[in-house]
Amino acid sequence: MPPLRTALLQSSGRAGSVDANLAVLDEAAERAAAAGARLLVCPELFLTGYAIGDAVHRLAEPADGPAAQAVADICVRHGLAVHYGYPERSGEAVFNAAQLIGPGGAPLANYRKTHLFGSFEERWFTPGVHPVVQADLDGVRVGLLICYDVEFPENVRAHALAGTELLLVPTALMHPFPFVAEAVVPVRAFESQLYIAYVNRAGREGDFDFTGLSCLAGPDGTVRARAGGGEELVLGEVDPGLLAASRAANPYLKDRVPGLYGSLV
């Protein structure tokens, strides 16, 4: 199976303007597709901005709302899948969500963040309840988490045990936590033997200063692609052959002794 060429869009877009952010996404998708990418991953809450306060509720849409259709049109126009963060409205609740739409424009998976970070998110969002959400893309089993979720090893291990090969993690990592992108994410990829596409915002937005440092971490613990601190589009390969070799060489998943871990739950 050939590698899945994956593009990471490190950008904060324009806070509060869905139209402007869709334009940024369209331009990035065009560049990513021209570089051979089959998947473009965007940051947490990319469609609306992160630090937008009560505008979160005003700009929230259903998973099948107008913004989702606009992203689907982008996918079809450029022939690649797009994974993007947005505030999802469902009844009276609003979730910090991320959706994967396939190259043909069909929705493949929608995930609601389960571990909310800080008073800002706890004020505006309802936590999700489904820890493992997956889809298949070009023969690769793709899983979805959001930001703080990946900092809990149980979440990533649950994905590994469910067969996830590439874990998509849109994020809004801010200072003073760059070590999460630099150290925690590659370790998560190594200890659970999968790829992680960790895609961040960049620069200041309201009270937040985002670190950038988006990366594609491999199951061998190496970083296959890394962004700097500013707006950037980086590309890397998700290689099923390397994943199989890494899992054969590292027996973490095979050598688990689940009977010893009951106290964890």
Protein backbone atom coordinates (compact mmCIF):
# COMPACT_ATOMS: atom_id res chain seq x y z
CA MET A 1 0.00 0.00 0.00
CA PRO A 2 1.47 3.39 -0.94
CA PRO A 3 2.07 6.05 1.73
CA LEU A 4 -0.73 8.49 2.52
CA ARG A 5 0.70 11.93 1.83
CA THR A 6 -0.63 14.22 4.55
CA ALA A 7 -0.58 18.02 4.75
CA LEU A 8 -0.68 19.93 8.04
CA LEU A 9 -2.11 23.46 7.89
CA GLN A 10 -0.63 25.49 10.74
CA SER A 11 -2.73 28.64 10.78
CA SER A 12 -5.02 30.61 13.06
CA GLY A 13 -6.95 32.06 10.14
CA ARG A 14 -9.12 35.02 11.09
CA ALA A 15 -10.94 34.90 14.42
CA GLY A 16 -14.71 35.18 14.04
CA SER A 17 -14.87 34.92 10.22
CA VAL A 18 -15.95 31.55 8.84
CA ASP A 19 -15.83 32.87 5.27
CA ALA A 20 -12.25 34.08 5.63
CA ASN A 21 -11.16 30.79 7.13
CA LEU A 22 -12.85 28.81 4.38
CA ALA A 23 -10.86 30.89 1.89
CA VAL A 24 -7.62 30.05 3.74
CA LEU A 25 -8.63 26.38 3.72
CA ASP A 26 -9.42 26.44 0.00
CA GLU A 27 -6.02 27.96 -0.84
CA ALA A 28 -4.21 25.47 1.40
CA ALA A 29 -6.11 22.56 -0.14
CA GLU A 30 -5.05 23.70 -3.60
CA ARG A 31 -1.39 23.80 -2.53
CA ALA A 32 -1.62 20.49 -0.69
CA ALA A 33 -3.24 18.72 -3.64
CA ALA A 34 -0.62 20.13 -6.02
CA ALA A 35 2.03 18.61 -3.72
CA GLY A 36 0.36 15.20 -3.94
CA ALA A 37 -1.46 15.20 -0.59
CA ARG A 38 -4.58 13.09 -0.14
CA LEU A 39 -5.37 14.53 3.30
CA LEU A 40 -5.27 18.05 4.74
CA VAL A 41 -5.50 18.46 8.53
CA CYS A 42 -6.44 21.84 10.09
CA PRO A 43 -6.17 23.11 13.70
CA GLU A 44 -8.69 23.04 16.52
CA LEU A 45 -11.74 25.28 15.94
CA PHE A 46 -10.18 26.43 12.67
CA LEU A 47 -13.42 27.47 11.00
CA THR A 48 -14.33 30.08 13.61
CA GLY A 49 -11.22 30.90 15.61
CA TYR A 50 -10.51 29.78 19.16
CA ALA A 51 -10.56 32.88 21.39
CA ILE A 52 -13.95 34.22 20.32
CA GLY A 53 -15.92 34.03 23.59
CA ASP A 54 -19.69 33.96 23.23
CA ALA A 55 -19.36 34.08 19.44
CA VAL A 56 -18.75 30.34 19.75
CA HIS A 57 -22.48 29.81 20.20
CA ARG A 58 -23.42 32.28 17.47
CA LEU A 59 -21.11 30.64 14.92
CA ALA A 60 -21.75 27.02 15.89
CA GLU A 61 -23.36 24.86 13.20
CA PRO A 62 -24.67 21.30 12.92
CA ALA A 63 -22.28 18.70 11.54
CA ASP A 64 -24.14 18.92 8.22
CA GLY A 65 -24.46 22.71 8.20
CA PRO A 66 -23.43 25.25 5.53
CA ALA A 67 -19.75 25.25 6.54
CA ALA A 68 -19.60 21.46 6.22
CA GLN A 69 -21.03 21.71 2.71
CA ALA A 70 -18.47 24.39 1.83
CA VAL A 71 -15.66 22.13 3.05
CA ALA A 72 -17.13 19.22 1.07
CA ASP A 73 -17.04 21.39 -2.06
CA ILE A 74 -13.35 22.15 -1.37
CA CYS A 75 -12.65 18.42 -1.01
CA VAL A 76 -14.29 17.62 -4.34
CA ARG A 77 -12.68 20.56 -6.14
CA HIS A 78 -9.16 19.58 -5.07
CA GLY A 79 -9.55 15.82 -4.77
CA LEU A 80 -8.41 15.34 -1.17
CA ALA A 81 -9.86 14.71 2.28
CA VAL A 82 -10.06 17.55 4.81
CA HIS A 83 -10.15 17.29 8.59
CA TYR A 84 -11.16 20.54 10.30
CA GLY A 85 -12.09 21.81 13.75
CA TYR A 86 -15.34 23.71 14.39
CA PRO A 87 -18.00 24.34 17.07
CA GLU A 88 -20.79 21.84 16.51
CA ARG A 89 -24.35 22.65 17.54
CA SER A 90 -26.60 19.75 18.47
CA GLY A 91 -29.86 20.81 20.07
CA GLU A 92 -29.00 23.17 22.93
CA ALA A 93 -25.44 21.81 23.30
CA VAL A 94 -22.30 23.07 21.58
CA PHE A 95 -19.31 20.75 21.21
CA ASN A 96 -15.67 21.41 20.38
CA ALA A 97 -15.69 19.13 17.35
CA ALA A 98 -13.66 18.01 14.36
CA GLN A 99 -14.96 16.47 11.16
CA LEU A 100 -13.29 14.42 8.42
CA ILE A 101 -14.75 14.80 4.94
CA GLY A 102 -13.53 12.52 2.16
CA PRO A 103 -12.19 13.41 -1.31
CA GLY A 104 -15.62 12.76 -2.79
CA GLY A 105 -17.31 15.19 -0.40
CA ALA A 106 -18.93 12.61 1.87
CA PRO A 107 -18.57 12.99 5.67
CA LEU A 108 -16.44 10.15 7.04
CA ALA A 109 -16.29 10.85 10.79
CA ASN A 110 -17.19 13.50 13.35
CA TYR A 111 -15.62 13.68 16.83
CA ARG A 112 -16.49 15.74 19.92
CA LYS A 113 -13.66 16.62 22.31
CA THR A 114 -13.96 14.58 25.50
CA HIS A 115 -11.36 16.32 27.71
CA LEU A 116 -12.05 20.05 27.87
CA PHE A 117 -9.10 22.28 28.77
CA GLY A 118 -9.44 25.13 31.25
CA SER A 119 -12.26 27.44 32.26
CA PHE A 120 -12.64 28.87 28.74
CA GLU A 121 -13.61 25.55 27.16
CA GLU A 122 -15.58 24.37 30.19
CA ARG A 123 -17.70 27.52 29.98
CA TRP A 124 -18.61 27.29 26.31
CA PHE A 125 -18.60 23.59 25.42
CA THR A 126 -20.22 20.31 26.40
CA PRO A 127 -17.77 17.38 26.57
CA GLY A 128 -18.18 14.52 24.13
CA VAL A 129 -18.72 10.96 25.32
CA HIS A 130 -17.30 8.76 22.55
CA PRO A 131 -13.54 8.21 23.03
CA VAL A 132 -12.81 6.35 19.80
CA VAL A 133 -14.11 7.63 16.46
CA GLN A 134 -12.58 6.23 13.27
CA ALA A 135 -12.82 6.18 9.48
CA ASP A 136 -10.98 4.55 6.60
CA LEU A 137 -9.11 6.70 4.09
CA ASP A 138 -7.14 5.19 1.19
CA GLY A 139 -6.78 1.95 3.14
CA VAL A 140 -5.52 3.66 6.32
CA ARG A 141 -7.55 3.44 9.53
CA VAL A 142 -7.81 7.04 10.75
CA GLY A 143 -8.79 8.03 14.31
CA LEU A 144 -9.81 11.42 15.72
CA LEU A 145 -8.93 13.24 18.94
CA ILE A 146 -8.65 16.96 19.77
CA CYS A 147 -5.82 18.79 21.58
CA TYR A 148 -5.89 18.02 25.34
CA ASP A 149 -7.28 14.53 24.60
CA VAL A 150 -3.90 13.35 23.32
CA GLU A 151 -2.21 14.23 26.61
CA PHE A 152 -4.01 11.32 28.26
CA PRO A 153 -2.19 8.11 27.30
CA GLU A 154 -5.36 6.07 27.81
CA ASN A 155 -7.02 7.85 24.88
CA VAL A 156 -4.23 7.08 22.45
CA ARG A 157 -3.86 3.49 23.65
CA ALA A 158 -7.61 2.97 23.17
CA HIS A 159 -7.18 4.05 19.56
CA ALA A 160 -4.22 1.73 19.05
CA LEU A 161 -6.20 -1.23 20.42
CA ALA A 162 -9.11 -0.32 18.12
CA GLY A 163 -6.80 -0.46 15.10
CA THR A 164 -6.11 3.23 14.48
CA GLU A 165 -3.03 3.70 12.28
CA LEU A 166 -3.11 7.50 11.88
CA LEU A 167 -4.43 9.66 14.70
CA LEU A 168 -5.53 13.17 13.71
CA VAL A 169 -5.20 15.73 16.52
CA PRO A 170 -6.13 19.34 15.73
CA THR A 171 -4.93 21.48 18.60
CA ALA A 172 -4.71 24.96 20.10
CA LEU A 173 -1.50 24.43 22.08
CA MET A 174 -0.34 27.61 23.75
CA HIS A 175 2.62 28.85 25.74
CA PRO A 176 3.99 27.76 28.18
CA PHE A 177 3.41 24.20 26.93
CA PRO A 178 5.58 23.70 23.80
CA PHE A 179 6.95 20.47 25.32
CA VAL A 180 3.65 18.79 24.45
CA ALA A 181 4.36 19.19 20.74
CA GLU A 182 8.08 18.62 21.11
CA ALA A 183 8.11 15.61 23.46
CA VAL A 184 4.69 14.26 24.50
CA VAL A 185 3.27 13.73 21.01
CA PRO A 186 6.27 11.74 19.63
CA VAL A 187 6.24 9.61 22.80
CA ARG A 188 2.51 8.93 22.39
CA ALA A 189 3.13 7.80 18.81
CA PHE A 190 5.94 5.48 19.95
CA GLU A 191 4.27 3.97 22.99
CA SER A 192 1.04 3.18 21.10
CA GLN A 193 2.66 2.41 17.74
CA LEU A 194 0.78 4.68 15.37
CA TYR A 195 1.20 7.93 13.45
CA ILE A 196 -0.02 11.18 14.99
CA ALA A 197 -0.76 14.30 12.93
CA TYR A 198 -0.74 17.10 15.52
CA VAL A 199 -1.81 20.38 13.93
CA ASN A 200 -1.68 23.65 15.85
CA ARG A 201 -2.64 27.29 15.59
CA ALA A 202 0.09 29.96 15.44
CA GLY A 203 0.62 33.41 16.95
CA ARG A 204 -1.50 35.51 19.30
CA GLU A 205 -5.27 35.39 19.50
CA GLY A 206 -6.96 37.21 22.33
CA ASP A 207 -5.29 36.17 25.59
CA PHE A 208 -3.66 33.13 24.00
CA ASP A 209 -0.23 32.79 22.39
CA PHE A 210 -0.17 29.63 20.29
CA THR A 211 3.12 27.77 19.91
CA GLY A 212 2.88 26.38 16.40
CA LEU A 213 5.24 23.36 16.21
CA SER A 214 2.74 21.17 14.34
CA CYS A 215 4.16 17.75 13.59
CA LEU A 216 3.65 14.36 12.03
CA ALA A 217 5.10 11.87 14.52
CA GLY A 218 5.85 8.30 13.48
CA PRO A 219 5.45 5.00 15.34
CA ASP A 220 9.24 4.77 15.64
CA GLY A 221 9.18 7.94 17.78
CA THR A 222 10.70 10.15 15.12
CA VAL A 223 9.14 13.35 13.83
CA ARG A 224 8.55 12.91 10.10
CA ALA A 225 7.55 16.56 9.51
CA ARG A 226 7.69 19.64 11.75
CA ALA A 227 6.46 23.23 11.41
CA GLY A 228 8.04 26.26 13.05
CA GLY A 229 6.27 28.98 15.00
CA GLY A 230 4.39 30.78 12.21
CA GLU A 231 1.82 30.18 9.50
CA GLU A 232 2.95 27.18 7.49
CA LEU A 233 1.86 24.19 5.39
CA VAL A 234 4.01 21.11 5.94
CA LEU A 235 3.75 17.66 4.37
CA GLY A 236 4.73 14.19 5.45
CA GLU A 237 4.16 10.54 4.58
CA VAL A 238 2.11 8.05 6.55
CA ASP A 239 3.78 4.81 5.45
CA PRO A 240 1.91 1.57 6.24
CA GLY A 241 5.13 -0.37 5.59
CA LEU A 242 7.03 1.58 8.23
CA LEU A 243 4.12 1.14 10.63
CA ALA A 244 4.13 -2.64 10.16
CA ALA A 245 7.89 -2.82 10.63
CA SER A 246 7.75 -0.64 13.73
CA ARG A 247 5.01 -2.76 15.29
CA ALA A 248 7.01 -5.90 14.55
CA ALA A 249 10.13 -4.43 16.18
CA ASN A 250 8.37 -2.90 19.19
CA PRO A 251 6.12 -5.36 21.06
CA TYR A 252 4.39 -2.86 23.37
CA LEU A 253 0.89 -3.74 22.13
CA LYS A 254 1.53 -7.50 22.05
CA ASP A 255 3.24 -7.61 25.46
CA ARG A 256 0.47 -5.83 27.39
CA VAL A 257 -0.96 -7.73 30.40
CA PRO A 258 -4.50 -6.28 30.68
CA GLY A 259 -5.30 -8.34 33.76
CA LEU A 260 -2.88 -6.20 35.73
CA TYR A 261 -4.49 -2.89 34.80
CA GLY A 262 -7.91 -3.15 36.43
CA SER A 263 -7.10 -0.41 38.93
CA LEU A 264 -6.85 2.09 36.06
CA VAL A 265 -10.61 2.03 35.65
